[in-house]
Every structure is written in C-alpha cells, then in structure tokens.
C-alpha atoms as a PDB file:
ATOM      1  CA  MET A   1     -38.797  54.913 189.085  1.00  0.00           C
ATOM      2  CA  ALA A   2     -37.468  57.065 186.429  1.00  0.00           C
ATOM      3  CA  SER A   3     -38.016  54.578 183.671  1.00  0.00           C
ATOM      4  CA  THR A   4     -41.717  54.552 184.651  1.00  0.00           C
ATOM      5  CA  THR A   5     -42.158  58.181 184.219  1.00  0.00           C
ATOM      6  CA  ALA A   6     -40.001  58.350 181.075  1.00  0.00           C
ATOM      7  CA  ARG A   7     -42.659  55.635 179.974  1.00  0.00           C
ATOM      8  CA  THR A   8     -45.445  57.631 181.104  1.00  0.00           C
ATOM      9  CA  ARG A   9     -44.397  60.410 179.070  1.00  0.00           C
ATOM     10  CA  GLN A  10     -43.551  58.237 176.034  1.00  0.00           C
ATOM     11  CA  SER A  11     -46.893  56.981 175.868  1.00  0.00           C
ATOM     12  CA  ALA A  12     -48.627  60.545 176.434  1.00  0.00           C
ATOM     13  CA  ALA A  13     -46.551  61.740 173.973  1.00  0.00           C
ATOM     14  CA  ALA A  14     -47.680  59.050 171.515  1.00  0.00           C
ATOM     15  CA  LYS A  15     -51.269  59.332 172.364  1.00  0.00           C
ATOM     16  CA  ARG A  16     -50.559  63.139 171.409  1.00  0.00           C
ATOM     17  CA  ASN A  17     -48.709  62.110 167.919  1.00  0.00           C
ATOM     18  CA  ALA A  18     -51.911  59.780 167.151  1.00  0.00           C
ATOM     19  CA  ALA A  19     -54.662  62.776 167.590  1.00  0.00           C
ATOM     20  CA  LYS A  20     -52.512  65.351 165.422  1.00  0.00           C
ATOM     21  CA  THR A  21     -53.316  62.995 162.421  1.00  0.00           C
ATOM     22  CA  LEU A  22     -55.380  65.102 159.916  1.00  0.00           C
ATOM     23  CA  ASN A  23     -58.848  63.640 159.350  1.00  0.00           C
ATOM     24  CA  PRO A  24     -59.289  63.520 155.599  1.00  0.00           C
ATOM     25  CA  ASP A  25     -63.077  64.873 155.716  1.00  0.00           C
ATOM     26  CA  VAL A  26     -62.565  68.244 157.517  1.00  0.00           C
ATOM     27  CA  ASP A  27     -59.735  70.735 157.241  1.00  0.00           C
ATOM     28  CA  PHE A  28     -58.776  71.091 160.505  1.00  0.00           C
ATOM     29  CA  GLU A  29     -56.936  69.187 163.188  1.00  0.00           C
ATOM     30  CA  PRO A  30     -58.640  68.764 166.684  1.00  0.00           C
ATOM     31  CA  VAL A  31     -58.055  70.890 168.854  1.00  0.00           C
ATOM     32  CA  ARG A  32     -56.066  69.383 172.264  1.00  0.00           C
ATOM     33  CA  ILE A  33     -56.671  70.663 175.304  1.00  0.00           C
ATOM     34  CA  ALA A  34     -54.309  69.633 178.726  1.00  0.00           C
ATOM     35  CA  ALA A  35     -55.718  67.964 181.475  1.00  0.00           C
ATOM     36  CA  ASP A  36     -56.344  69.569 184.659  1.00  0.00           C
ATOM     37  CA  ASP A  37     -53.830  68.228 186.690  1.00  0.00           C
ATOM     38  CA  GLU A  38     -50.977  69.526 184.421  1.00  0.00           C
ATOM     39  CA  VAL A  39     -51.713  72.664 184.684  1.00  0.00           C
ATOM     40  CA  VAL A  40     -50.476  74.846 187.582  1.00  0.00           C
ATOM     41  CA  GLU A  41     -52.216  77.572 189.390  1.00  0.00           C
ATOM     42  CA  GLU A  42     -49.919  80.735 190.164  1.00  0.00           C
ATOM     43  CA  ARG A  43     -51.758  83.304 192.448  1.00  0.00           C
ATOM     44  CA  VAL A  44     -50.915  87.039 192.721  1.00  0.00           C
ATOM     45  CA  PRO A  45     -52.533  89.183 195.163  1.00  0.00           C
ATOM     46  CA  LEU A  46     -55.315  91.011 194.394  1.00  0.00           C
ATOM     47  CA  PHE A  47     -55.987  92.865 197.688  1.00  0.00           C
ATOM     48  CA  TYR A  48     -55.197  93.247 201.220  1.00  0.00           C
ATOM     49  CA  ILE A  49     -57.776  93.452 204.312  1.00  0.00           C
ATOM     50  CA  GLY A  50     -55.467  94.785 207.327  1.00  0.00           C
ATOM     51  CA  ASP A  51     -52.358  92.475 206.945  1.00  0.00           C
ATOM     52  CA  ASP A  52     -54.341  89.772 205.118  1.00  0.00           C
ATOM     53  CA  GLU A  53     -53.125  88.818 201.178  1.00  0.00           C
ATOM     54  CA  TYR A  54     -56.064  87.932 199.097  1.00  0.00           C
ATOM     55  CA  THR A  55     -54.913  86.244 195.908  1.00  0.00           C
ATOM     56  CA  ILE A  56     -56.248  85.587 192.261  1.00  0.00           C
ATOM     57  CA  PRO A  57     -55.012  82.904 189.792  1.00  0.00           C
ATOM     58  CA  LYS A  58     -52.594  85.488 187.445  1.00  0.00           C
ATOM     59  CA  ARG A  59     -54.606  83.486 184.654  1.00  0.00           C
ATOM     60  CA  ILE A  60     -58.208  82.951 185.231  1.00  0.00           C
ATOM     61  CA  PRO A  61     -59.406  79.940 183.204  1.00  0.00           C
ATOM     62  CA  LYS A  62     -61.216  80.371 180.110  1.00  0.00           C
ATOM     63  CA  GLY A  63     -64.197  78.155 181.845  1.00  0.00           C
ATOM     64  CA  VAL A  64     -64.359  80.859 184.076  1.00  0.00           C
ATOM     65  CA  ALA A  65     -65.058  83.376 181.889  1.00  0.00           C
ATOM     66  CA  LEU A  66     -67.495  81.081 179.549  1.00  0.00           C
ATOM     67  CA  GLN A  67     -69.454  80.405 182.437  1.00  0.00           C
ATOM     68  CA  TYR A  68     -69.565  84.503 183.267  1.00  0.00           C
ATOM     69  CA  LEU A  69     -70.729  85.173 179.803  1.00  0.00           C
ATOM     70  CA  ARG A  70     -73.310  82.448 180.119  1.00  0.00           C
ATOM     71  CA  GLN A  71     -74.866  83.392 182.950  1.00  0.00           C
ATOM     72  CA  ALA A  72     -74.171  87.462 181.607  1.00  0.00           C
ATOM     73  CA  GLY A  73     -76.589  86.496 178.542  1.00  0.00           C
ATOM     74  CA  GLU A  74     -79.199  84.825 180.891  1.00  0.00           C
ATOM     75  CA  ARG A  75     -79.681  86.537 184.179  1.00  0.00           C
ATOM     76  CA  GLY A  76     -77.290  90.405 183.059  1.00  0.00           C
ATOM     77  CA  HIS A  77     -74.083  91.554 183.868  1.00  0.00           C
ATOM     78  CA  GLU A  78     -74.856  92.237 187.666  1.00  0.00           C
ATOM     79  CA  LEU A  79     -76.023  89.477 188.347  1.00  0.00           C
ATOM     80  CA  ALA A  80     -73.260  87.278 186.792  1.00  0.00           C
ATOM     81  CA  THR A  81     -70.959  89.505 188.535  1.00  0.00           C
ATOM     82  CA  ALA A  82     -71.514  88.179 192.006  1.00  0.00           C
ATOM     83  CA  PRO A  83     -70.729  84.057 190.908  1.00  0.00           C
ATOM     84  CA  LEU A  84     -67.798  85.223 188.986  1.00  0.00           C
ATOM     85  CA  LEU A  85     -66.151  86.683 192.188  1.00  0.00           C
ATOM     86  CA  ILE A  86     -66.884  83.894 194.366  1.00  0.00           C
ATOM     87  CA  ARG A  87     -65.323  81.458 191.705  1.00  0.00           C
ATOM     88  CA  VAL A  88     -62.259  83.377 191.180  1.00  0.00           C
ATOM     89  CA  LEU A  89     -61.706  85.199 194.868  1.00  0.00           C
ATOM     90  CA  GLY A  90     -63.420  82.158 196.717  1.00  0.00           C
ATOM     91  CA  GLU A  91     -65.403  81.712 199.521  1.00  0.00           C
ATOM     92  CA  ASP A  92     -62.899  83.118 202.520  1.00  0.00           C
ATOM     93  CA  ALA A  93     -62.299  86.227 200.112  1.00  0.00           C
ATOM     94  CA  TYR A  94     -65.586  87.117 198.976  1.00  0.00           C
ATOM     95  CA  GLU A  95     -66.405  86.649 202.731  1.00  0.00           C
ATOM     96  CA  ALA A  96     -64.012  89.132 203.580  1.00  0.00           C
ATOM     97  CA  LEU A  97     -65.054  91.421 201.828  1.00  0.00           C
ATOM     98  CA  GLU A  98     -68.626  91.541 202.358  1.00  0.00           C
ATOM     99  CA  LYS A  99     -68.083  91.634 206.006  1.00  0.00           C
ATOM    100  CA  SER A 100     -65.465  94.464 205.713  1.00  0.00           C
ATOM    101  CA  LYS A 101     -66.436  97.726 207.229  1.00  0.00           C
ATOM    102  CA  ALA A 102     -63.551  99.366 205.508  1.00  0.00           C
ATOM    103  CA  LEU A 103     -64.448  98.528 201.938  1.00  0.00           C
ATOM    104  CA  THR A 104     -65.019 101.690 199.507  1.00  0.00           C
ATOM    105  CA  ASP A 105     -66.978 102.140 196.646  1.00  0.00           C
ATOM    106  CA  GLU A 106     -63.845 102.662 194.251  1.00  0.00           C
ATOM    107  CA  GLN A 107     -62.293  99.956 196.428  1.00  0.00           C
ATOM    108  CA  LEU A 108     -65.080  97.414 195.244  1.00  0.00           C
ATOM    109  CA  GLU A 109     -65.330  99.017 191.842  1.00  0.00           C
ATOM    110  CA  SER A 110     -61.673  98.123 190.890  1.00  0.00           C
ATOM    111  CA  ILE A 111     -61.746  94.764 192.725  1.00  0.00           C
ATOM    112  CA  VAL A 112     -64.743  94.008 190.377  1.00  0.00           C
ATOM    113  CA  ASP A 113     -63.171  95.625 187.273  1.00  0.00           C
ATOM    114  CA  ILE A 114     -59.820  93.543 187.721  1.00  0.00           C
ATOM    115  CA  ILE A 115     -61.739  90.401 188.247  1.00  0.00           C
ATOM    116  CA  VAL A 116     -63.741  90.760 185.380  1.00  0.00           C
ATOM    117  CA  GLY A 117     -60.706  92.454 182.969  1.00  0.00           C
ATOM    118  CA  GLN A 118     -59.020  89.258 183.844  1.00  0.00           C
ATOM    119  CA  ALA A 119     -61.614  86.767 183.389  1.00  0.00           C
ATOM    120  CA  LEU A 120     -62.587  87.861 179.699  1.00  0.00           C
ATOM    121  CA  GLY A 121     -58.894  88.227 179.166  1.00  0.00           C
ATOM    122  CA  ARG A 122     -58.430  92.273 178.817  1.00  0.00           C
ATOM    123  CA  GLN A 123     -55.180  93.355 178.779  1.00  0.00           C
ATOM    124  CA  GLU A 124     -53.792  96.646 181.001  1.00  0.00           C
ATOM    125  CA  GLY A 125     -54.640  99.971 179.193  1.00  0.00           C
ATOM    126  CA  GLY A 126     -58.019  98.541 177.590  1.00  0.00           C
ATOM    127  CA  LYS A 127     -55.810  96.787 174.691  1.00  0.00           C
ATOM    128  CA  GLY A 128     -57.502  93.551 174.040  1.00  0.00           C
ATOM    129  CA  LYS A 129     -56.149  90.295 171.918  1.00  0.00           C
ATOM    130  CA  ALA A 130     -58.498  91.364 169.268  1.00  0.00           C
ATOM    131  CA  GLN A 131     -57.544  94.278 167.736  1.00  0.00           C
ATOM    132  CA  SER A 132     -56.665  94.743 164.168  1.00  0.00           C
ATOM    133  CA  GLY A 133     -54.691  96.808 162.093  1.00  0.00           C
END
C-alpha cells in the first residue's frame, strides 16, 4: 500500500512540475492553490458560554473574506456581518450566542471584531500585512 501512496505523490508532483512551466506569452506563472482536501483546519477557542467551548478556524479561509467583502460592498458592513459570523462560527455557536441572556454588548462587539479581523487578515495590535516602510 505504501507504494501506491508513493506513486500518487509522484504523479501529483509531476502534475505540479508540469504546471510550473512559464507561459512564453506572459511574464508570470500560474498560481497553484491546494485542493481543499489537502488543507487541515486547526481550530481555536473564541468564547465560552458556561463550560461550553466555541471555536473558530485558526486561519479563516480567504474565500470567506472575499465573500464578506463582496456582501459588504453590495449590502454594507452591517448586513454582511451576520453571514460572516454564521459561516465562521457555524450554526450551533451562532444560535448559542443568539439565545444567551448573559451576552453583553462588549462581549458581542469583541467576538465580531475578532472574527472580522481574522477574516481580513488583521494581526494583533492593528498591524496588517500591507504596511510599508
């Protein structure tokens, strides 16, 4: 069985190498994005309700950010936020927040800010990747 896995890896590597050839008509190479089944999702705790832990992906997929940005452009930030929260948290965690009688405005604002910041790639302290200098 190990040889089958090795052959699969070799054929995948051959396909990747074939795609790396530079197109003579353009001055760039195609961007290669991993298949979804090759991505392992690590999750981290975001909040607790009582002893129940609710998590989000450690790295929110960029497709989620793109969807949020599109919806924010079409409908505005406020209306784009709920679908983002549902997508990142999942239905169960979102409903737990909806039903919580103990959730404060500050806690909700913090949760929303963290999710939006993580989705858009903001780092702690407000330092983004697009800084110059």
